[in-house]
Amino acid sequence: MDVNTEANGAFTSQIQILRSLRRSRVRTEIVMYLYEIYPKTSSATNIARNTKIATTNVLGGLRGRGKGFTKSKSLLELGLVDKIEDNDRIYYQLSKRGKSLMENLVAG
């Protein structure tokens, strides 16, 4: 893959990510919350509590679920959030990619 093809793929991917965030207040608020607490992790329940979004919708935004939250546009699939499992508990953390995207958005 040449440099131009790689750059175009990254640009297209970034457009898809931004479009996915723009179309979903839930995904946007989750990413913003995880950016605010970075590098800390948070459970879906705590994300729901702090964003005032129903836990089922938070899980939909993170993992994808049903018609409203397709898996391909979920924060995990887009690579914006990492899933961390610890002692049968699941936590979520903004990924390096998500952090970089948010820093670019905040700065720009």
C-alpha atoms as a PDB file:
ATOM      1  CA  MET A   1       0.000   0.000   0.000  1.00  0.00           C
ATOM      2  CA  ASP A   2       1.518   3.360  -0.977  1.00  0.00           C
ATOM      3  CA  VAL A   3       1.520   6.456   1.228  1.00  0.00           C
ATOM      4  CA  ASN A   4      -1.365   8.153  -0.657  1.00  0.00           C
ATOM      5  CA  THR A   5      -3.604   5.094  -0.412  1.00  0.00           C
ATOM      6  CA  GLU A   6      -2.852   4.784   3.298  1.00  0.00           C
ATOM      7  CA  ALA A   7      -3.534   8.501   3.872  1.00  0.00           C
ATOM      8  CA  ASN A   8      -6.806   8.313   1.914  1.00  0.00           C
ATOM      9  CA  GLY A   9      -7.892   5.294   3.972  1.00  0.00           C
ATOM     10  CA  ALA A  10      -7.125   7.128   7.226  1.00  0.00           C
ATOM     11  CA  PHE A  11      -8.999  10.217   5.989  1.00  0.00           C
ATOM     12  CA  THR A  12     -12.024   8.137   4.970  1.00  0.00           C
ATOM     13  CA  SER A  13     -11.968   6.379   8.316  1.00  0.00           C
ATOM     14  CA  GLN A  14     -11.847   9.707  10.146  1.00  0.00           C
ATOM     15  CA  ILE A  15     -14.809  10.990   8.115  1.00  0.00           C
ATOM     16  CA  GLN A  16     -16.783   7.847   9.012  1.00  0.00           C
ATOM     17  CA  ILE A  17     -15.936   8.334  12.682  1.00  0.00           C
ATOM     18  CA  LEU A  18     -16.957  11.986  12.681  1.00  0.00           C
ATOM     19  CA  ARG A  19     -20.181  11.145  10.838  1.00  0.00           C
ATOM     20  CA  SER A  20     -20.960   8.420  13.367  1.00  0.00           C
ATOM     21  CA  LEU A  21     -20.430  10.833  16.262  1.00  0.00           C
ATOM     22  CA  ARG A  22     -22.431  13.601  14.622  1.00  0.00           C
ATOM     23  CA  ARG A  23     -25.387  11.269  14.118  1.00  0.00           C
ATOM     24  CA  SER A  24     -25.463  10.064  17.701  1.00  0.00           C
ATOM     25  CA  ARG A  25     -25.670  12.258  20.782  1.00  0.00           C
ATOM     26  CA  VAL A  26     -25.173   9.110  22.868  1.00  0.00           C
ATOM     27  CA  ARG A  27     -21.867   8.141  21.218  1.00  0.00           C
ATOM     28  CA  THR A  28     -20.664  11.750  21.338  1.00  0.00           C
ATOM     29  CA  GLU A  29     -21.436  12.163  25.032  1.00  0.00           C
ATOM     30  CA  ILE A  30     -19.777   8.848  25.897  1.00  0.00           C
ATOM     31  CA  VAL A  31     -16.594   9.850  24.073  1.00  0.00           C
ATOM     32  CA  MET A  32     -16.613  13.301  25.687  1.00  0.00           C
ATOM     33  CA  TYR A  33     -17.066  11.791  29.158  1.00  0.00           C
ATOM     34  CA  LEU A  34     -14.272   9.246  28.654  1.00  0.00           C
ATOM     35  CA  TYR A  35     -12.043  12.048  27.342  1.00  0.00           C
ATOM     36  CA  GLU A  36     -12.719  14.098  30.476  1.00  0.00           C
ATOM     37  CA  ILE A  37     -11.701  11.241  32.798  1.00  0.00           C
ATOM     38  CA  TYR A  38      -8.822   9.894  30.639  1.00  0.00           C
ATOM     39  CA  PRO A  39      -6.734   7.828  31.444  1.00  0.00           C
ATOM     40  CA  LYS A  40      -9.216   6.446  33.976  1.00  0.00           C
ATOM     41  CA  THR A  41     -11.664   3.709  33.051  1.00  0.00           C
ATOM     42  CA  SER A  42     -15.386   3.584  33.730  1.00  0.00           C
ATOM     43  CA  SER A  43     -18.094   0.946  33.793  1.00  0.00           C
ATOM     44  CA  ALA A  44     -21.161   1.315  31.582  1.00  0.00           C
ATOM     45  CA  THR A  45     -23.224   2.003  34.701  1.00  0.00           C
ATOM     46  CA  ASN A  46     -20.950   4.860  35.758  1.00  0.00           C
ATOM     47  CA  ILE A  47     -20.903   6.271  32.238  1.00  0.00           C
ATOM     48  CA  ALA A  48     -24.718   6.187  32.276  1.00  0.00           C
ATOM     49  CA  ARG A  49     -24.874   7.854  35.681  1.00  0.00           C
ATOM     50  CA  ASN A  50     -22.437  10.630  34.746  1.00  0.00           C
ATOM     51  CA  THR A  51     -23.896  11.343  31.306  1.00  0.00           C
ATOM     52  CA  LYS A  52     -27.533  10.868  32.389  1.00  0.00           C
ATOM     53  CA  ILE A  53     -28.062   8.409  29.517  1.00  0.00           C
ATOM     54  CA  ALA A  54     -29.864   5.098  30.080  1.00  0.00           C
ATOM     55  CA  THR A  55     -27.462   2.192  30.589  1.00  0.00           C
ATOM     56  CA  THR A  56     -28.995   0.250  27.672  1.00  0.00           C
ATOM     57  CA  ASN A  57     -28.287   3.208  25.365  1.00  0.00           C
ATOM     58  CA  VAL A  58     -24.737   3.554  26.713  1.00  0.00           C
ATOM     59  CA  LEU A  59     -24.148  -0.129  25.959  1.00  0.00           C
ATOM     60  CA  GLY A  60     -25.641   0.377  22.503  1.00  0.00           C
ATOM     61  CA  GLY A  61     -23.265   3.261  21.803  1.00  0.00           C
ATOM     62  CA  LEU A  62     -20.280   1.331  23.108  1.00  0.00           C
ATOM     63  CA  ARG A  63     -20.965  -2.097  21.571  1.00  0.00           C
ATOM     64  CA  GLY A  64     -23.760  -1.645  19.079  1.00  0.00           C
ATOM     65  CA  ARG A  65     -27.172  -3.119  19.628  1.00  0.00           C
ATOM     66  CA  GLY A  66     -30.300  -3.339  17.570  1.00  0.00           C
ATOM     67  CA  LYS A  67     -31.463  -0.939  14.905  1.00  0.00           C
ATOM     68  CA  GLY A  68     -30.474   2.352  16.532  1.00  0.00           C
ATOM     69  CA  PHE A  69     -26.902   1.374  17.344  1.00  0.00           C
ATOM     70  CA  THR A  70     -25.325  -0.713  14.627  1.00  0.00           C
ATOM     71  CA  LYS A  71     -22.218  -2.641  15.612  1.00  0.00           C
ATOM     72  CA  SER A  72     -20.168  -1.195  12.741  1.00  0.00           C
ATOM     73  CA  LYS A  73     -20.733   2.319  14.120  1.00  0.00           C
ATOM     74  CA  SER A  74     -20.177   1.407  17.766  1.00  0.00           C
ATOM     75  CA  LEU A  75     -17.378   3.118  19.654  1.00  0.00           C
ATOM     76  CA  LEU A  76     -15.562  -0.194  20.116  1.00  0.00           C
ATOM     77  CA  GLU A  77     -15.751  -1.077  16.394  1.00  0.00           C
ATOM     78  CA  LEU A  78     -14.593   2.416  15.408  1.00  0.00           C
ATOM     79  CA  GLY A  79     -11.595   2.013  17.693  1.00  0.00           C
ATOM     80  CA  LEU A  80     -12.436   5.040  19.834  1.00  0.00           C
ATOM     81  CA  VAL A  81     -12.931   3.071  23.039  1.00  0.00           C
ATOM     82  CA  ASP A  82     -11.109   0.088  24.527  1.00  0.00           C
ATOM     83  CA  LYS A  83     -12.856  -2.621  26.556  1.00  0.00           C
ATOM     84  CA  ILE A  84     -10.954  -3.723  29.651  1.00  0.00           C
ATOM     85  CA  GLU A  85     -11.978  -6.846  31.560  1.00  0.00           C
ATOM     86  CA  ASP A  86     -10.902  -7.191  35.178  1.00  0.00           C
ATOM     87  CA  ASN A  87     -12.193  -9.820  37.628  1.00  0.00           C
ATOM     88  CA  ASP A  88     -15.434 -10.449  35.728  1.00  0.00           C
ATOM     89  CA  ARG A  89     -16.084  -6.715  35.417  1.00  0.00           C
ATOM     90  CA  ILE A  90     -15.984  -4.709  32.220  1.00  0.00           C
ATOM     91  CA  TYR A  91     -14.609  -1.208  32.031  1.00  0.00           C
ATOM     92  CA  TYR A  92     -14.237   1.181  29.130  1.00  0.00           C
ATOM     93  CA  GLN A  93     -11.453   3.628  28.396  1.00  0.00           C
ATOM     94  CA  LEU A  94     -10.901   6.104  25.616  1.00  0.00           C
ATOM     95  CA  SER A  95      -8.411   4.527  23.208  1.00  0.00           C
ATOM     96  CA  LYS A  96      -5.284   6.281  21.960  1.00  0.00           C
ATOM     97  CA  ARG A  97      -7.090   6.826  18.679  1.00  0.00           C
ATOM     98  CA  GLY A  98     -10.089   8.318  20.491  1.00  0.00           C
ATOM     99  CA  LYS A  99      -7.849  10.556  22.589  1.00  0.00           C
ATOM    100  CA  SER A 100      -6.032  11.800  19.496  1.00  0.00           C
ATOM    101  CA  LEU A 101      -9.312  12.510  17.713  1.00  0.00           C
ATOM    102  CA  MET A 102     -10.679  14.443  20.691  1.00  0.00           C
ATOM    103  CA  GLU A 103      -7.487  16.452  21.064  1.00  0.00           C
ATOM    104  CA  ASN A 104      -7.695  17.419  17.389  1.00  0.00           C
ATOM    105  CA  LEU A 105     -11.357  18.393  17.734  1.00  0.00           C
ATOM    106  CA  VAL A 106     -10.764  20.417  20.902  1.00  0.00           C
ATOM    107  CA  ALA A 107      -7.720  22.186  19.418  1.00  0.00           C
ATOM    108  CA  GLY A 108      -9.331  22.823  16.039  1.00  0.00           C
END
